[in-house]
Amino acid sequence: WEGRTARNLGVFGERLLPQVLAEALAKYGDMSDKA
């Protein structure tokens, strides 16, 4: 959809999955498997 629409959003809007994951890992990446 690149160039075909005014807004070409990903799963979480303007932040794509790798970015959302990086932010989540920064906050919760140290949680244990059990937690």
Full PDB file with SEQRES, HELIX, SHEET, SSBOND, CRYST1, ORIGX, SCALE, CONECT and MASTER records, all heavy atoms in Angstrom:
SEQRES   1 A   35  TRP GLU GLY ARG THR ALA ARG ASN LEU GLY VAL PHE GLY          
SEQRES   2 A   35  GLU ARG LEU LEU PRO GLN VAL LEU ALA GLU ALA LEU ALA          
SEQRES   3 A   35  LYS TYR GLY ASP MET SER ASP LYS ALA                          
HELIX    1 AA1 LEU A   17  TYR A   28  1                                  12    
CRYST1    1.000    1.000    1.000  90.00  90.00  90.00 P 1           1          
ORIGX1      1.000000  0.000000  0.000000        0.00000                         
ORIGX2      0.000000  1.000000  0.000000        0.00000                         
ORIGX3      0.000000  0.000000  1.000000        0.00000                         
SCALE1      1.000000  0.000000  0.000000        0.00000                         
SCALE2      0.000000  1.000000  0.000000        0.00000                         
SCALE3      0.000000  0.000000  1.000000        0.00000                         
ATOM      1  N   TRP A   1       0.808  -1.217   0.000  1.00  0.00           N  
ATOM      2  CA  TRP A   1       0.000   0.000   0.000  1.00  0.00           C  
ATOM      3  C   TRP A   1       0.846   1.274   0.000  1.00  0.00           C  
ATOM      4  O   TRP A   1       0.292   2.371   0.088  1.00  0.00           O  
ATOM      5  CB  TRP A   1      -0.957  -0.016   1.182  1.00  0.00           C  
ATOM      6  CG  TRP A   1      -2.011  -1.061   0.986  1.00  0.00           C  
ATOM      7  CD1 TRP A   1      -2.023  -2.328   1.500  1.00  0.00           C  
ATOM      8  CD2 TRP A   1      -3.177  -0.958   0.180  1.00  0.00           C  
ATOM      9  NE1 TRP A   1      -3.118  -3.014   1.072  1.00  0.00           N  
ATOM     10  CE2 TRP A   1      -3.854  -2.193   0.255  1.00  0.00           C  
ATOM     11  CE3 TRP A   1      -3.721   0.058  -0.601  1.00  0.00           C  
ATOM     12  CZ2 TRP A   1      -5.037  -2.431  -0.418  1.00  0.00           C  
ATOM     13  CZ3 TRP A   1      -4.912  -0.185  -1.268  1.00  0.00           C  
ATOM     14  CH2 TRP A   1      -5.556  -1.420  -1.173  1.00  0.00           C  
ATOM     15  N   GLU A   2       2.153   1.135  -0.115  1.00  0.00           N  
ATOM     16  CA  GLU A   2       3.032   2.314  -0.121  1.00  0.00           C  
ATOM     17  C   GLU A   2       2.657   3.262  -1.262  1.00  0.00           C  
ATOM     18  O   GLU A   2       2.560   2.854  -2.421  1.00  0.00           O  
ATOM     19  CB  GLU A   2       4.493   1.886  -0.249  1.00  0.00           C  
ATOM     20  CG  GLU A   2       5.464   3.017  -0.057  1.00  0.00           C  
ATOM     21  CD  GLU A   2       6.911   2.545   0.001  1.00  0.00           C  
ATOM     22  OE1 GLU A   2       7.154   1.325  -0.106  1.00  0.00           O  
ATOM     23  OE2 GLU A   2       7.784   3.395   0.146  1.00  0.00           O  
ATOM     24  N   GLY A   3       2.418   4.525  -0.920  1.00  0.00           N  
ATOM     25  CA  GLY A   3       2.078   5.533  -1.914  1.00  0.00           C  
ATOM     26  C   GLY A   3       0.643   5.491  -2.412  1.00  0.00           C  
ATOM     27  O   GLY A   3       0.233   6.342  -3.200  1.00  0.00           O  
ATOM     28  N   ARG A   4      -0.130   4.525  -1.970  1.00  0.00           N  
ATOM     29  CA  ARG A   4      -1.511   4.397  -2.450  1.00  0.00           C  
ATOM     30  C   ARG A   4      -2.533   5.011  -1.497  1.00  0.00           C  
ATOM     31  O   ARG A   4      -3.707   5.124  -1.842  1.00  0.00           O  
ATOM     32  CB  ARG A   4      -1.890   2.929  -2.610  1.00  0.00           C  
ATOM     33  CG  ARG A   4      -1.172   2.219  -3.710  1.00  0.00           C  
ATOM     34  CD  ARG A   4      -1.772   0.851  -3.755  1.00  0.00           C  
ATOM     35  NE  ARG A   4      -1.217  -0.001  -4.771  1.00  0.00           N  
ATOM     36  CZ  ARG A   4      -1.651  -1.221  -4.993  1.00  0.00           C  
ATOM     37  NH1 ARG A   4      -2.637  -1.706  -4.277  1.00  0.00           N  
ATOM     38  NH2 ARG A   4      -1.109  -1.962  -5.917  1.00  0.00           N  
ATOM     39  N   THR A   5      -2.122   5.331  -0.311  1.00  0.00           N  
ATOM     40  CA  THR A   5      -3.048   5.827   0.698  1.00  0.00           C  
ATOM     41  C   THR A   5      -2.357   6.890   1.533  1.00  0.00           C  
ATOM     42  O   THR A   5      -1.123   6.908   1.642  1.00  0.00           O  
ATOM     43  CB  THR A   5      -3.559   4.663   1.582  1.00  0.00           C  
ATOM     44  OG1 THR A   5      -4.496   5.162   2.522  1.00  0.00           O  
ATOM     45  CG2 THR A   5      -2.431   3.974   2.313  1.00  0.00           C  
ATOM     46  N   ALA A   6      -3.137   7.779   2.120  1.00  0.00           N  
ATOM     47  CA  ALA A   6      -2.575   8.867   2.924  1.00  0.00           C  
ATOM     48  C   ALA A   6      -1.886   8.331   4.178  1.00  0.00           C  
ATOM     49  O   ALA A   6      -0.843   8.836   4.579  1.00  0.00           O  
ATOM     50  CB  ALA A   6      -3.670   9.854   3.310  1.00  0.00           C  
ATOM     51  N   ARG A   7      -2.468   7.310   4.772  1.00  0.00           N  
ATOM     52  CA  ARG A   7      -1.886   6.712   5.989  1.00  0.00           C  
ATOM     53  C   ARG A   7      -1.746   5.214   5.767  1.00  0.00           C  
ATOM     54  O   ARG A   7      -2.729   4.531   5.534  1.00  0.00           O  
ATOM     55  CB  ARG A   7      -2.768   6.980   7.207  1.00  0.00           C  
ATOM     56  CG  ARG A   7      -2.856   8.463   7.538  1.00  0.00           C  
ATOM     57  CD  ARG A   7      -3.693   8.705   8.756  1.00  0.00           C  
ATOM     58  NE  ARG A   7      -2.919   8.311   9.934  1.00  0.00           N  
ATOM     59  CZ  ARG A   7      -3.468   8.044  11.109  1.00  0.00           C  
ATOM     60  NH1 ARG A   7      -4.762   8.102  11.271  1.00  0.00           N  
ATOM     61  NH2 ARG A   7      -2.706   7.714  12.129  1.00  0.00           N  
ATOM     62  N   ASN A   8      -0.541   4.725   5.866  1.00  0.00           N  
ATOM     63  CA  ASN A   8      -0.265   3.308   5.662  1.00  0.00           C  
ATOM     64  C   ASN A   8       0.214   2.762   7.003  1.00  0.00           C  
ATOM     65  O   ASN A   8       1.397   2.802   7.313  1.00  0.00           O  
ATOM     66  CB  ASN A   8       0.788   3.131   4.569  1.00  0.00           C  
ATOM     67  CG  ASN A   8       0.954   1.693   4.158  1.00  0.00           C  
ATOM     68  OD1 ASN A   8       0.226   0.820   4.602  1.00  0.00           O  
ATOM     69  ND2 ASN A   8       1.927   1.434   3.301  1.00  0.00           N  
ATOM     70  N   LEU A   9      -0.709   2.284   7.809  1.00  0.00           N  
ATOM     71  CA  LEU A   9      -0.411   1.915   9.182  1.00  0.00           C  
ATOM     72  C   LEU A   9      -0.090   0.431   9.320  1.00  0.00           C  
ATOM     73  O   LEU A   9      -0.578  -0.405   8.570  1.00  0.00           O  
ATOM     74  CB  LEU A   9      -1.588   2.272  10.084  1.00  0.00           C  
ATOM     75  CG  LEU A   9      -2.006   3.747  10.060  1.00  0.00           C  
ATOM     76  CD1 LEU A   9      -3.220   3.954  10.935  1.00  0.00           C  
ATOM     77  CD2 LEU A   9      -0.865   4.652  10.477  1.00  0.00           C  
ATOM     78  N   GLY A  10       0.705   0.134  10.339  1.00  0.00           N  
ATOM     79  CA  GLY A  10       1.013  -1.239  10.685  1.00  0.00           C  
ATOM     80  C   GLY A  10       0.046  -1.754  11.746  1.00  0.00           C  
ATOM     81  O   GLY A  10      -0.983  -1.139  12.031  1.00  0.00           O  
ATOM     82  N   VAL A  11       0.408  -2.851  12.347  1.00  0.00           N  
ATOM     83  CA  VAL A  11      -0.438  -3.500  13.351  1.00  0.00           C  
ATOM     84  C   VAL A  11      -0.759  -2.554  14.498  1.00  0.00           C  
ATOM     85  O   VAL A  11      -1.896  -2.488  14.963  1.00  0.00           O  
ATOM     86  CB  VAL A  11       0.251  -4.780  13.885  1.00  0.00           C  
ATOM     87  CG1 VAL A  11      -0.546  -5.391  15.015  1.00  0.00           C  
ATOM     88  CG2 VAL A  11       0.458  -5.774  12.762  1.00  0.00           C  
ATOM     89  N   PHE A  12       0.223  -1.819  14.962  1.00  0.00           N  
ATOM     90  CA  PHE A  12       0.043  -0.908  16.088  1.00  0.00           C  
ATOM     91  C   PHE A  12       0.060   0.551  15.634  1.00  0.00           C  
ATOM     92  O   PHE A  12       0.543   1.421  16.338  1.00  0.00           O  
ATOM     93  CB  PHE A  12       1.115  -1.158  17.154  1.00  0.00           C  
ATOM     94  CG  PHE A  12       0.952  -2.481  17.851  1.00  0.00           C  
ATOM     95  CD1 PHE A  12       1.718  -3.579  17.478  1.00  0.00           C  
ATOM     96  CD2 PHE A  12       0.022  -2.653  18.851  1.00  0.00           C  
ATOM     97  CE1 PHE A  12       1.572  -4.808  18.108  1.00  0.00           C  
ATOM     98  CE2 PHE A  12      -0.148  -3.871  19.490  1.00  0.00           C  
ATOM     99  CZ  PHE A  12       0.637  -4.951  19.111  1.00  0.00           C  
ATOM    100  N   GLY A  13      -0.444   0.807  14.463  1.00  0.00           N  
ATOM    101  CA  GLY A  13      -0.505   2.174  13.962  1.00  0.00           C  
ATOM    102  C   GLY A  13       0.789   2.579  13.281  1.00  0.00           C  
ATOM    103  O   GLY A  13       1.341   1.842  12.477  1.00  0.00           O  
ATOM    104  N   GLU A  14       1.282   3.768  13.629  1.00  0.00           N  
ATOM    105  CA  GLU A  14       2.483   4.289  12.977  1.00  0.00           C  
ATOM    106  C   GLU A  14       3.755   3.596  13.447  1.00  0.00           C  
ATOM    107  O   GLU A  14       4.765   3.625  12.749  1.00  0.00           O  
ATOM    108  CB  GLU A  14       2.571   5.798  13.195  1.00  0.00           C  
ATOM    109  CG  GLU A  14       1.439   6.528  12.487  1.00  0.00           C  
ATOM    110  CD  GLU A  14       1.486   8.023  12.661  1.00  0.00           C  
ATOM    111  OE1 GLU A  14       2.425   8.538  13.302  1.00  0.00           O  
ATOM    112  OE2 GLU A  14       0.567   8.693  12.151  1.00  0.00           O  
ATOM    113  N   ARG A  15       3.721   2.999  14.623  1.00  0.00           N  
ATOM    114  CA  ARG A  15       4.883   2.247  15.120  1.00  0.00           C  
ATOM    115  C   ARG A  15       4.781   0.813  14.598  1.00  0.00           C  
ATOM    116  O   ARG A  15       3.798   0.131  14.853  1.00  0.00           O  
ATOM    117  CB  ARG A  15       4.916   2.243  16.649  1.00  0.00           C  
ATOM    118  CG  ARG A  15       5.035   3.624  17.251  1.00  0.00           C  
ATOM    119  CD  ARG A  15       4.994   3.611  18.774  1.00  0.00           C  
ATOM    120  NE  ARG A  15       3.814   2.868  19.248  1.00  0.00           N  
ATOM    121  CZ  ARG A  15       3.811   2.078  20.312  1.00  0.00           C  
ATOM    122  NH1 ARG A  15       4.875   1.920  21.055  1.00  0.00           N  
ATOM    123  NH2 ARG A  15       2.714   1.447  20.660  1.00  0.00           N  
ATOM    124  N   LEU A  16       5.804   0.374  13.894  1.00  0.00           N  
ATOM    125  CA  LEU A  16       5.794  -0.981  13.351  1.00  0.00           C  
ATOM    126  C   LEU A  16       6.203  -1.988  14.420  1.00  0.00           C  
ATOM    127  O   LEU A  16       6.780  -1.627  15.450  1.00  0.00           O  
ATOM    128  CB  LEU A  16       6.711  -1.054  12.135  1.00  0.00           C  
ATOM    129  CG  LEU A  16       6.321  -0.128  10.972  1.00  0.00           C  
ATOM    130  CD1 LEU A  16       7.284  -0.305   9.810  1.00  0.00           C  
ATOM    131  CD2 LEU A  16       4.880  -0.360  10.531  1.00  0.00           C  
ATOM    132  N   LEU A  17       5.898  -3.247  14.164  1.00  0.00           N  
ATOM    133  CA  LEU A  17       6.137  -4.309  15.152  1.00  0.00           C  
ATOM    134  C   LEU A  17       7.551  -4.317  15.741  1.00  0.00           C  
ATOM    135  O   LEU A  17       7.695  -4.429  16.964  1.00  0.00           O  
ATOM    136  CB  LEU A  17       5.808  -5.673  14.555  1.00  0.00           C  
ATOM    137  CG  LEU A  17       4.335  -6.045  14.568  1.00  0.00           C  
ATOM    138  CD1 LEU A  17       4.079  -7.243  13.670  1.00  0.00           C  
ATOM    139  CD2 LEU A  17       3.861  -6.317  15.973  1.00  0.00           C  
ATOM    140  N   PRO A  18       8.620  -4.210  14.931  1.00  0.00           N  
ATOM    141  CA  PRO A  18       9.959  -4.229  15.533  1.00  0.00           C  
ATOM    142  C   PRO A  18      10.171  -3.085  16.527  1.00  0.00           C  
ATOM    143  O   PRO A  18      10.811  -3.278  17.573  1.00  0.00           O  
ATOM    144  CB  PRO A  18      10.896  -4.100  14.330  1.00  0.00           C  
ATOM    145  CG  PRO A  18      10.118  -4.686  13.198  1.00  0.00           C  
ATOM    146  CD  PRO A  18       8.691  -4.256  13.460  1.00  0.00           C  
ATOM    147  N   GLN A  19       9.611  -1.923  16.244  1.00  0.00           N  
ATOM    148  CA  GLN A  19       9.741  -0.794  17.165  1.00  0.00           C  
ATOM    149  C   GLN A  19       8.942  -1.034  18.444  1.00  0.00           C  
ATOM    150  O   GLN A  19       9.424  -0.789  19.546  1.00  0.00           O  
ATOM    151  CB  GLN A  19       9.255   0.500  16.498  1.00  0.00           C  
ATOM    152  CG  GLN A  19       9.358   1.710  17.396  1.00  0.00           C  
ATOM    153  CD  GLN A  19       8.775   2.963  16.768  1.00  0.00           C  
ATOM    154  OE1 GLN A  19       8.387   2.970  15.605  1.00  0.00           O  
ATOM    155  NE2 GLN A  19       8.700   4.018  17.550  1.00  0.00           N  
ATOM    156  N   VAL A  20       7.728  -1.528  18.300  1.00  0.00           N  
ATOM    157  CA  VAL A  20       6.899  -1.815  19.470  1.00  0.00           C  
ATOM    158  C   VAL A  20       7.573  -2.877  20.327  1.00  0.00           C  
ATOM    159  O   VAL A  20       7.609  -2.775  21.560  1.00  0.00           O  
ATOM    160  CB  VAL A  20       5.474  -2.243  19.053  1.00  0.00           C  
ATOM    161  CG1 VAL A  20       4.648  -2.653  20.263  1.00  0.00           C  
ATOM    162  CG2 VAL A  20       4.789  -1.116  18.286  1.00  0.00           C  
ATOM    163  N   LEU A  21       8.135  -3.908  19.692  1.00  0.00           N  
ATOM    164  CA  LEU A  21       8.843  -4.948  20.439  1.00  0.00           C  
ATOM    165  C   LEU A  21      10.042  -4.359  21.168  1.00  0.00           C  
ATOM    166  O   LEU A  21      10.267  -4.686  22.342  1.00  0.00           O  
ATOM    167  CB  LEU A  21       9.291  -6.086  19.530  1.00  0.00           C  
ATOM    168  CG  LEU A  21      10.116  -7.165  20.230  1.00  0.00           C  
ATOM    169  CD1 LEU A  21       9.289  -7.892  21.293  1.00  0.00           C  
ATOM    170  CD2 LEU A  21      10.695  -8.134  19.230  1.00  0.00           C  
ATOM    171  N   ALA A  22      10.825  -3.500  20.509  1.00  0.00           N  
ATOM    172  CA  ALA A  22      11.999  -2.905  21.152  1.00  0.00           C  
ATOM    173  C   ALA A  22      11.588  -2.124  22.390  1.00  0.00           C  
ATOM    174  O   ALA A  22      12.244  -2.217  23.446  1.00  0.00           O  
ATOM    175  CB  ALA A  22      12.742  -2.013  20.167  1.00  0.00           C  
ATOM    176  N   GLU A  23      10.500  -1.380  22.292  1.00  0.00           N  
ATOM    177  CA  GLU A  23      10.009  -0.619  23.450  1.00  0.00           C  
ATOM    178  C   GLU A  23       9.535  -1.561  24.562  1.00  0.00           C  
ATOM    179  O   GLU A  23       9.792  -1.327  25.743  1.00  0.00           O  
ATOM    180  CB  GLU A  23       8.881   0.312  23.014  1.00  0.00           C  
ATOM    181  CG  GLU A  23       9.348   1.416  22.084  1.00  0.00           C  
ATOM    182  CD  GLU A  23       8.205   2.161  21.411  1.00  0.00           C  
ATOM    183  OE1 GLU A  23       7.016   1.879  21.716  1.00  0.00           O  
ATOM    184  OE2 GLU A  23       8.500   3.022  20.563  1.00  0.00           O  
ATOM    185  N   ALA A  24       8.853  -2.626  24.174  1.00  0.00           N  
ATOM    186  CA  ALA A  24       8.363  -3.602  25.155  1.00  0.00           C  
ATOM    187  C   ALA A  24       9.525  -4.323  25.834  1.00  0.00           C  
ATOM    188  O   ALA A  24       9.505  -4.550  27.050  1.00  0.00           O  
ATOM    189  CB  ALA A  24       7.430  -4.603  24.477  1.00  0.00           C  
ATOM    190  N   LEU A  25      10.555  -4.676  25.054  1.00  0.00           N  
ATOM    191  CA  LEU A  25      11.721  -5.342  25.641  1.00  0.00           C  
ATOM    192  C   LEU A  25      12.461  -4.428  26.609  1.00  0.00           C  
ATOM    193  O   LEU A  25      12.983  -4.886  27.631  1.00  0.00           O  
ATOM    194  CB  LEU A  25      12.661  -5.841  24.545  1.00  0.00           C  
ATOM    195  CG  LEU A  25      12.187  -7.067  23.760  1.00  0.00           C  
ATOM    196  CD1 LEU A  25      13.087  -7.316  22.555  1.00  0.00           C  
ATOM    197  CD2 LEU A  25      12.114  -8.294  24.655  1.00  0.00           C  
ATOM    198  N   ALA A  26      12.496  -3.138  26.296  1.00  0.00           N  
ATOM    199  CA  ALA A  26      13.145  -2.185  27.201  1.00  0.00           C  
ATOM    200  C   ALA A  26      12.422  -2.128  28.546  1.00  0.00           C  
ATOM    201  O   ALA A  26      13.054  -1.974  29.595  1.00  0.00           O  
ATOM    202  CB  ALA A  26      13.190  -0.797  26.562  1.00  0.00           C  
ATOM    203  N   LYS A  27      11.107  -2.290  28.519  1.00  0.00           N  
ATOM    204  CA  LYS A  27      10.321  -2.237  29.757  1.00  0.00           C  
ATOM    205  C   LYS A  27      10.233  -3.594  30.460  1.00  0.00           C  
ATOM    206  O   LYS A  27      10.288  -3.666  31.684  1.00  0.00           O  
ATOM    207  CB  LYS A  27       8.895  -1.768  29.456  1.00  0.00           C  
ATOM    208  CG  LYS A  27       8.773  -0.345  29.015  1.00  0.00           C  
ATOM    209  CD  LYS A  27       7.302  -0.035  28.741  1.00  0.00           C  
ATOM    210  CE  LYS A  27       7.120   1.272  28.034  1.00  0.00           C  
ATOM    211  NZ  LYS A  27       5.720   1.492  27.649  1.00  0.00           N  
ATOM    212  N   TYR A  28      10.034  -4.658  29.676  1.00  0.00           N  
ATOM    213  CA  TYR A  28       9.687  -5.957  30.266  1.00  0.00           C  
ATOM    214  C   TYR A  28      10.626  -7.089  29.887  1.00  0.00           C  
ATOM    215  O   TYR A  28      10.378  -8.231  30.253  1.00  0.00           O  
ATOM    216  CB  TYR A  28       8.262  -6.342  29.850  1.00  0.00           C  
ATOM    217  CG  TYR A  28       7.248  -5.292  30.189  1.00  0.00           C  
ATOM    218  CD1 TYR A  28       6.669  -4.504  29.202  1.00  0.00           C  
ATOM    219  CD2 TYR A  28       6.867  -5.072  31.506  1.00  0.00           C  
ATOM    220  CE1 TYR A  28       5.737  -3.520  29.504  1.00  0.00           C  
ATOM    221  CE2 TYR A  28       5.936  -4.098  31.827  1.00  0.00           C  
ATOM    222  CZ  TYR A  28       5.379  -3.326  30.822  1.00  0.00           C  
ATOM    223  OH  TYR A  28       4.465  -2.352  31.134  1.00  0.00           O  
ATOM    224  N   GLY A  29      11.687  -6.784  29.160  1.00  0.00           N  
ATOM    225  CA  GLY A  29      12.589  -7.829  28.690  1.00  0.00           C  
ATOM    226  C   GLY A  29      13.297  -8.595  29.789  1.00  0.00           C  
ATOM    227  O   GLY A  29      13.752  -9.708  29.572  1.00  0.00           O  
ATOM    228  N   ASP A  30      13.372  -8.000  30.972  1.00  0.00           N  
ATOM    229  CA  ASP A  30      14.049  -8.687  32.074  1.00  0.00           C  
ATOM    230  C   ASP A  30      13.103  -9.573  32.884  1.00  0.00           C  
ATOM    231  O   ASP A  30      13.527 -10.214  33.846  1.00  0.00           O  
ATOM    232  CB  ASP A  30      14.741  -7.676  32.988  1.00  0.00           C  
ATOM    233  CG  ASP A  30      13.785  -6.688  33.633  1.00  0.00           C  
ATOM    234  OD1 ASP A  30      12.628  -6.582  33.169  1.00  0.00           O  
ATOM    235  OD2 ASP A  30      14.190  -6.017  34.605  1.00  0.00           O  
ATOM    236  N   MET A  31      11.833  -9.641  32.492  1.00  0.00           N  
ATOM    237  CA  MET A  31      10.909 -10.539  33.206  1.00  0.00           C  
ATOM    238  C   MET A  31      11.338 -11.979  32.968  1.00  0.00           C  
ATOM    239  O   MET A  31      11.764 -12.334  31.863  1.00  0.00           O  
ATOM    240  CB  MET A  31       9.470 -10.347  32.713  1.00  0.00           C  
ATOM    241  CG  MET A  31       8.821  -9.062  33.189  1.00  0.00           C  
ATOM    242  SD  MET A  31       7.126  -8.874  32.570  1.00  0.00           S  
ATOM    243  CE  MET A  31       6.250 -10.114  33.524  1.00  0.00           C  
ATOM    244  N   SER A  32      11.201 -12.792  33.977  1.00  0.00           N  
ATOM    245  CA  SER A  32      11.537 -14.210  33.840  1.00  0.00           C  
ATOM    246  C   SER A  32      10.496 -14.911  32.971  1.00  0.00           C  
ATOM    247  O   SER A  32       9.374 -14.411  32.795  1.00  0.00           O  
ATOM    248  CB  SER A  32      11.589 -14.876  35.215  1.00  0.00           C  
ATOM    249  OG  SER A  32      10.274 -14.947  35.769  1.00  0.00           O  
ATOM    250  N   ASP A  33      10.868 -16.068  32.452  1.00  0.00           N  
ATOM    251  CA  ASP A  33       9.913 -16.870  31.685  1.00  0.00           C  
ATOM    252  C   ASP A  33       8.686 -17.169  32.536  1.00  0.00           C  
ATOM    253  O   ASP A  33       7.552 -17.094  32.064  1.00  0.00           O  
ATOM    254  CB  ASP A  33      10.550 -18.188  31.231  1.00  0.00           C  
ATOM    255  CG  ASP A  33      11.575 -18.011  30.128  1.00  0.00           C  
ATOM    256  OD1 ASP A  33      11.738 -16.873  29.619  1.00  0.00           O  
ATOM    257  OD2 ASP A  33      12.223 -19.010  29.772  1.00  0.00           O  
ATOM    258  N   LYS A  34       8.920 -17.487  33.795  1.00  0.00           N  
ATOM    259  CA  LYS A  34       7.812 -17.815  34.690  1.00  0.00           C  
ATOM    260  C   LYS A  34       6.869 -16.625  34.859  1.00  0.00           C  
ATOM    261  O   LYS A  34       5.652 -16.778  34.792  1.00  0.00           O  
ATOM    262  CB  LYS A  34       8.345 -18.266  36.053  1.00  0.00           C  
ATOM    263  CG  LYS A  34       7.260 -18.673  37.016  1.00  0.00           C  
ATOM    264  CD  LYS A  34       7.812 -19.122  38.349  1.00  0.00           C  
ATOM    265  CE  LYS A  34       6.661 -19.505  39.259  1.00  0.00           C  
ATOM    266  NZ  LYS A  34       7.064 -19.729  40.623  1.00  0.00           N  
ATOM    267  N   ALA A  35       7.427 -15.440  35.065  1.00  0.00           N  
ATOM    268  CA  ALA A  35       6.597 -14.252  35.249  1.00  0.00           C  
ATOM    269  C   ALA A  35       5.804 -13.928  33.979  1.00  0.00           C  
ATOM    270  O   ALA A  35       4.630 -13.556  34.053  1.00  0.00           O  
ATOM    271  CB  ALA A  35       7.456 -13.062  35.663  1.00  0.00           C  
TER     272      ALA A  35                                                      
MASTER        0    0    0    1    0    0    0    6  271    1    0    3          
END                                                                             
